[in-house]
Protein backbone atom coordinates (compact mmCIF):
# COMPACT_ATOMS: atom_id res chain seq x y z
CA UNK A 1 -153.42 -53.42 -46.42
CA UNK A 2 -155.38 -50.33 -47.90
CA UNK A 3 -154.30 -48.39 -45.00
CA UNK A 4 -150.78 -49.25 -45.24
CA UNK A 5 -150.93 -48.19 -49.24
CA UNK A 6 -152.75 -45.02 -48.20
CA UNK A 7 -150.20 -44.22 -45.52
CA UNK A 8 -147.21 -44.68 -48.00
CA UNK A 9 -148.95 -42.63 -50.46
CA UNK A 10 -149.55 -39.86 -48.12
CA UNK A 11 -145.98 -40.07 -46.96
CA UNK A 12 -144.52 -39.83 -50.62
CA UNK A 13 -146.81 -36.85 -51.37
CA UNK A 14 -145.51 -35.11 -48.30
CA UNK A 15 -141.99 -35.84 -49.10
CA UNK A 16 -142.27 -34.73 -52.72
CA UNK A 17 -144.09 -31.50 -51.64
CA UNK A 18 -141.51 -30.72 -49.20
CA UNK A 19 -138.59 -31.32 -51.76
CA UNK A 20 -140.61 -29.05 -54.06
CA UNK A 21 -140.67 -26.20 -51.64
CA UNK A 22 -137.20 -26.34 -50.77
CA UNK A 23 -136.37 -26.44 -54.63
CA UNK A 24 -138.44 -23.35 -54.73
CA UNK A 25 -136.86 -21.64 -51.68
CA UNK A 26 -133.58 -22.14 -52.95
CA UNK A 27 -134.08 -20.41 -56.54
CA UNK A 28 -132.28 -17.14 -57.23
CA UNK A 29 -133.98 -13.86 -57.42
CA UNK A 30 -133.32 -10.36 -58.22
CA UNK A 31 -131.14 -8.78 -56.01
CA UNK A 32 -129.31 -12.02 -54.63
CA UNK A 33 -125.49 -12.08 -54.74
CA UNK A 34 -123.50 -14.59 -56.40
CA UNK A 35 -119.37 -14.83 -55.87
CA UNK A 36 -118.14 -15.37 -59.61
CA UNK A 37 -114.88 -17.10 -59.79
CA UNK A 38 -112.30 -16.99 -62.42
CA UNK A 39 -109.21 -18.79 -62.69
CA UNK A 40 -106.33 -19.61 -65.59
CA UNK A 41 -106.26 -17.89 -68.96
CA UNK A 42 -109.76 -15.96 -68.18
CA UNK A 43 -108.63 -14.62 -64.63
CA UNK A 44 -105.03 -13.58 -66.53
CA UNK A 45 -107.30 -11.62 -69.41
CA UNK A 46 -109.62 -10.21 -66.68
CA UNK A 47 -106.50 -8.95 -64.70
CA UNK A 48 -104.51 -7.48 -67.82
CA UNK A 49 -107.47 -5.33 -68.82
CA UNK A 50 -108.52 -4.13 -65.35
CA UNK A 51 -104.92 -3.36 -64.25
CA UNK A 52 -104.40 -1.05 -66.83
CA UNK A 53 -101.12 1.32 -67.13
CA UNK A 54 -100.46 1.63 -63.52
CA UNK A 55 -96.90 0.96 -63.83
CA UNK A 56 -97.53 -2.34 -61.18
CA UNK A 57 -96.40 -5.65 -61.80
CA UNK A 58 -99.41 -7.51 -63.66
CA UNK A 59 -99.39 -11.36 -62.00
CA UNK A 60 -99.36 -14.37 -64.47
CA UNK A 61 -99.60 -17.88 -64.58
CA UNK A 62 -102.06 -20.61 -64.17
CA UNK A 63 -102.54 -20.08 -60.48
CA UNK A 64 -104.00 -16.91 -60.63
CA UNK A 65 -107.59 -16.90 -59.25
CA UNK A 66 -110.24 -13.75 -59.33
CA UNK A 67 -113.23 -13.58 -57.15
CA UNK A 68 -116.11 -11.14 -57.80
CA UNK A 69 -119.31 -10.47 -56.05
CA UNK A 70 -122.36 -10.15 -58.52
CA UNK A 71 -125.85 -8.87 -58.08
CA UNK A 72 -128.36 -10.64 -59.97
CA UNK A 73 -130.40 -7.91 -61.69
CA UNK A 74 -132.85 -9.70 -64.28
CA UNK A 75 -134.70 -13.27 -64.25
CA UNK A 76 -135.35 -14.03 -67.59
CA UNK A 77 -138.37 -15.94 -68.85
CA UNK A 78 -136.22 -19.13 -69.68
CA UNK A 79 -135.10 -18.88 -66.18
CA UNK A 80 -131.62 -17.45 -66.87
CA UNK A 81 -129.96 -14.90 -64.54
CA UNK A 82 -128.83 -11.55 -65.80
CA UNK A 83 -125.92 -10.40 -63.62
CA UNK A 84 -124.09 -7.18 -62.88
CA UNK A 85 -120.71 -6.74 -61.30
CA UNK A 86 -119.31 -3.30 -60.54
CA UNK A 87 -115.74 -2.18 -59.30
CA UNK A 88 -114.71 1.24 -58.81
CA UNK A 89 -110.77 1.48 -59.08
CA UNK A 90 -109.66 4.63 -57.30
CA UNK A 91 -106.15 3.77 -57.13
CA UNK A 92 -105.87 4.33 -61.08
CA UNK A 93 -105.56 7.66 -62.86
CA UNK A 94 -108.05 8.29 -64.12
CA UNK A 95 -110.42 6.62 -61.95
CA UNK A 96 -112.08 3.75 -63.73
CA UNK A 97 -115.38 1.59 -63.38
CA UNK A 98 -115.19 -1.77 -64.40
CA UNK A 99 -118.61 -3.82 -65.14
CA UNK A 100 -119.22 -7.38 -65.85
CA UNK A 101 -122.30 -8.14 -67.23
CA UNK A 102 -123.98 -11.33 -68.55
CA UNK A 103 -126.42 -14.44 -68.08
CA UNK A 104 -125.99 -17.39 -66.02
CA UNK A 105 -127.41 -20.69 -66.45
CA UNK A 106 -129.17 -21.27 -62.80
CA UNK A 107 -128.06 -25.15 -63.10
CA UNK A 108 -124.57 -24.09 -63.05
CA UNK A 109 -125.11 -22.21 -59.58
CA UNK A 110 -123.39 -23.96 -56.67
CA UNK A 111 -125.55 -23.22 -53.73
CA UNK A 112 -124.36 -23.94 -49.81
CA UNK A 113 -125.78 -22.66 -46.51
CA UNK A 114 -124.07 -20.91 -43.80
CA UNK A 115 -126.19 -22.14 -40.78
CA UNK A 116 -127.46 -19.76 -37.98
CA UNK A 117 -124.77 -19.54 -35.08
CA UNK A 118 -121.67 -19.70 -37.25
CA UNK A 119 -118.80 -17.33 -36.62
CA UNK A 120 -117.82 -15.47 -39.58
CA UNK A 121 -115.04 -13.16 -40.19
CA UNK A 122 -115.63 -9.85 -42.04
CA UNK A 123 -112.36 -9.16 -42.71
CA UNK A 124 -108.61 -10.94 -42.02
CA UNK A 125 -107.71 -10.47 -38.47
CA UNK A 126 -111.16 -8.77 -37.61
CA UNK A 127 -113.39 -10.11 -34.86
CA UNK A 128 -115.93 -12.87 -35.66
CA UNK A 129 -119.58 -12.09 -35.76
CA UNK A 130 -122.02 -14.89 -35.10
CA UNK A 131 -124.55 -15.40 -37.97
CA UNK A 132 -128.13 -14.55 -36.61
CA UNK A 133 -129.98 -16.60 -39.35
CA UNK A 134 -129.27 -18.89 -42.20
CA UNK A 135 -127.52 -17.46 -45.29
CA UNK A 136 -127.67 -18.60 -48.67
CA UNK A 137 -124.31 -18.42 -50.61
CA UNK A 138 -124.15 -18.75 -54.29
CA UNK A 139 -121.14 -19.47 -56.41
CA UNK A 140 -120.55 -19.50 -60.40
CA UNK A 141 -117.52 -20.34 -61.99
CA UNK A 142 -117.03 -17.94 -64.93
CA UNK A 143 -115.04 -20.26 -67.79
CA UNK A 144 -115.17 -18.05 -70.99
CA UNK A 145 -116.52 -14.62 -71.69
CA UNK A 146 -119.23 -16.06 -73.94
CA UNK A 147 -122.23 -14.20 -73.09
CA UNK A 148 -120.36 -11.68 -70.82
CA UNK A 149 -119.24 -8.01 -71.48
CA UNK A 150 -116.42 -6.57 -69.56
CA UNK A 151 -116.37 -3.11 -69.78
CA UNK A 152 -113.84 -0.55 -68.47
CA UNK A 153 -114.87 3.38 -68.06
CA UNK A 154 -112.35 6.31 -67.27
CA UNK A 155 -113.49 9.41 -65.46
CA UNK A 156 -113.46 12.07 -67.70
CA UNK A 157 -114.59 14.99 -65.40
CA UNK A 158 -115.17 15.46 -61.77
CA UNK A 159 -117.12 18.55 -60.37
CA UNK A 160 -117.48 19.36 -56.52
CA UNK A 161 -115.91 18.14 -53.46
């Protein structure tokens, strides 16, 4: 009876430590990428502000969706993640830099893993590449600009080639 109890206790401890290790391995850190998704009014507002005076049609409606790749640049003491996303708009005149910065609750991240050996495409119609290791994919749905700043910078001067 004692042996069975010790075996069960050891098994529970092993499973708990394994789960704890998996949780620690999945914690986002500085330098990790996060896919930021915006939909609806928020996506409309983002497009309206970043499209500028290009003269092109600005898509509207509830079906619009914007996805950006952001980098974690800071982990705060409370565990929140500081992110930055930068986009250079060269088709615009003048050339513009769009930055989105903010703080994310790591509990609101969605994480999945692309396993080693999976065929992935770098671009539509491109040749598939086979992943050589497991890749952790993190996603966040941005629901409002609370805690975020969207900045749009215009190029004032340029020198050199």
